[in-house]
Amino acid sequence: MTMTTLQACPECEDEVRISQSVRLNEIIDCAGCRSELEIVALAPTVLALAPEVEEDWGE
């Protein structure tokens, strides 16, 4: 059984389940608001809104 922790979504404050096996910079989804969240720190785990993917027009 995989251990999980709960964190508040920075967008909607809903609880987000985070597996103990997450990696730094991993992207997870909030079930409440469907925002993409990035793991920006471990121990303690910190969530932030994932940056929007932008077109790379110059390359």
C-alpha atoms as a PDB file:
ATOM      1  CA  MET A   1       0.000   0.000   0.000  1.00  0.00           C
ATOM      2  CA  THR A   2       1.392   3.394  -1.023  1.00  0.00           C
ATOM      3  CA  MET A   3       1.389   6.086   1.633  1.00  0.00           C
ATOM      4  CA  THR A   4      -0.196   9.413   0.727  1.00  0.00           C
ATOM      5  CA  THR A   5      -0.379  12.850   2.294  1.00  0.00           C
ATOM      6  CA  LEU A   6      -2.948  15.581   1.822  1.00  0.00           C
ATOM      7  CA  GLN A   7      -2.081  19.113   0.747  1.00  0.00           C
ATOM      8  CA  ALA A   8      -4.335  22.073  -0.015  1.00  0.00           C
ATOM      9  CA  CYS A   9      -4.549  23.079  -3.667  1.00  0.00           C
ATOM     10  CA  PRO A  10      -3.100  26.608  -4.065  1.00  0.00           C
ATOM     11  CA  GLU A  11      -5.914  27.443  -6.519  1.00  0.00           C
ATOM     12  CA  CYS A  12      -9.116  26.126  -4.878  1.00  0.00           C
ATOM     13  CA  GLU A  13      -7.961  24.951  -1.401  1.00  0.00           C
ATOM     14  CA  ASP A  14      -9.387  21.462  -2.083  1.00  0.00           C
ATOM     15  CA  GLU A  15      -7.426  18.536  -0.649  1.00  0.00           C
ATOM     16  CA  VAL A  16      -4.930  16.963  -3.063  1.00  0.00           C
ATOM     17  CA  ARG A  17      -3.610  13.464  -2.387  1.00  0.00           C
ATOM     18  CA  ILE A  18       0.150  13.224  -2.847  1.00  0.00           C
ATOM     19  CA  SER A  19       1.947   9.906  -3.026  1.00  0.00           C
ATOM     20  CA  GLN A  20       5.085   9.495  -0.910  1.00  0.00           C
ATOM     21  CA  SER A  21       6.904   8.506  -4.121  1.00  0.00           C
ATOM     22  CA  VAL A  22       6.450  11.891  -5.864  1.00  0.00           C
ATOM     23  CA  ARG A  23       9.494  13.537  -7.375  1.00  0.00           C
ATOM     24  CA  LEU A  24      10.579  17.153  -7.461  1.00  0.00           C
ATOM     25  CA  ASN A  25       8.995  19.047 -10.416  1.00  0.00           C
ATOM     26  CA  GLU A  26       6.410  16.297 -10.970  1.00  0.00           C
ATOM     27  CA  ILE A  27       3.035  17.539 -12.274  1.00  0.00           C
ATOM     28  CA  ILE A  28      -0.157  16.319 -10.597  1.00  0.00           C
ATOM     29  CA  ASP A  29      -3.808  17.305 -11.064  1.00  0.00           C
ATOM     30  CA  CYS A  30      -6.236  18.730  -8.538  1.00  0.00           C
ATOM     31  CA  ALA A  31      -9.459  16.724  -8.639  1.00  0.00           C
ATOM     32  CA  GLY A  32     -11.462  19.727  -7.442  1.00  0.00           C
ATOM     33  CA  CYS A  33     -10.539  22.434  -9.964  1.00  0.00           C
ATOM     34  CA  ARG A  34      -8.543  20.423 -12.536  1.00  0.00           C
ATOM     35  CA  SER A  35      -5.508  22.709 -12.153  1.00  0.00           C
ATOM     36  CA  GLU A  36      -2.115  21.263 -12.954  1.00  0.00           C
ATOM     37  CA  LEU A  37       0.095  21.476  -9.896  1.00  0.00           C
ATOM     38  CA  GLU A  38       3.863  21.154  -9.679  1.00  0.00           C
ATOM     39  CA  ILE A  39       5.793  19.677  -6.756  1.00  0.00           C
ATOM     40  CA  VAL A  40       8.234  22.526  -6.050  1.00  0.00           C
ATOM     41  CA  ALA A  41       9.727  21.182  -2.804  1.00  0.00           C
ATOM     42  CA  LEU A  42       9.981  17.915  -0.900  1.00  0.00           C
ATOM     43  CA  ALA A  43      10.093  17.388   2.889  1.00  0.00           C
ATOM     44  CA  PRO A  44       7.786  19.167   3.392  1.00  0.00           C
ATOM     45  CA  THR A  45       5.935  18.822   0.105  1.00  0.00           C
ATOM     46  CA  VAL A  46       5.021  22.179  -1.435  1.00  0.00           C
ATOM     47  CA  LEU A  47       2.577  22.594  -4.337  1.00  0.00           C
ATOM     48  CA  ALA A  48       2.407  25.471  -6.812  1.00  0.00           C
ATOM     49  CA  LEU A  49       0.426  26.083  -9.971  1.00  0.00           C
ATOM     50  CA  ALA A  50       2.312  24.527 -12.870  1.00  0.00           C
ATOM     51  CA  PRO A  51       3.523  27.053 -15.449  1.00  0.00           C
ATOM     52  CA  GLU A  52       1.462  27.300 -18.618  1.00  0.00           C
ATOM     53  CA  VAL A  53       2.974  25.591 -21.654  1.00  0.00           C
ATOM     54  CA  GLU A  54       3.789  28.253 -24.206  1.00  0.00           C
ATOM     55  CA  GLU A  55       4.477  28.021 -27.908  1.00  0.00           C
ATOM     56  CA  ASP A  56       8.128  28.500 -28.791  1.00  0.00           C
ATOM     57  CA  TRP A  57       7.690  30.769 -31.815  1.00  0.00           C
ATOM     58  CA  GLY A  58      11.357  31.678 -32.241  1.00  0.00           C
ATOM     59  CA  GLU A  59      12.728  28.181 -32.669  1.00  0.00           C
END
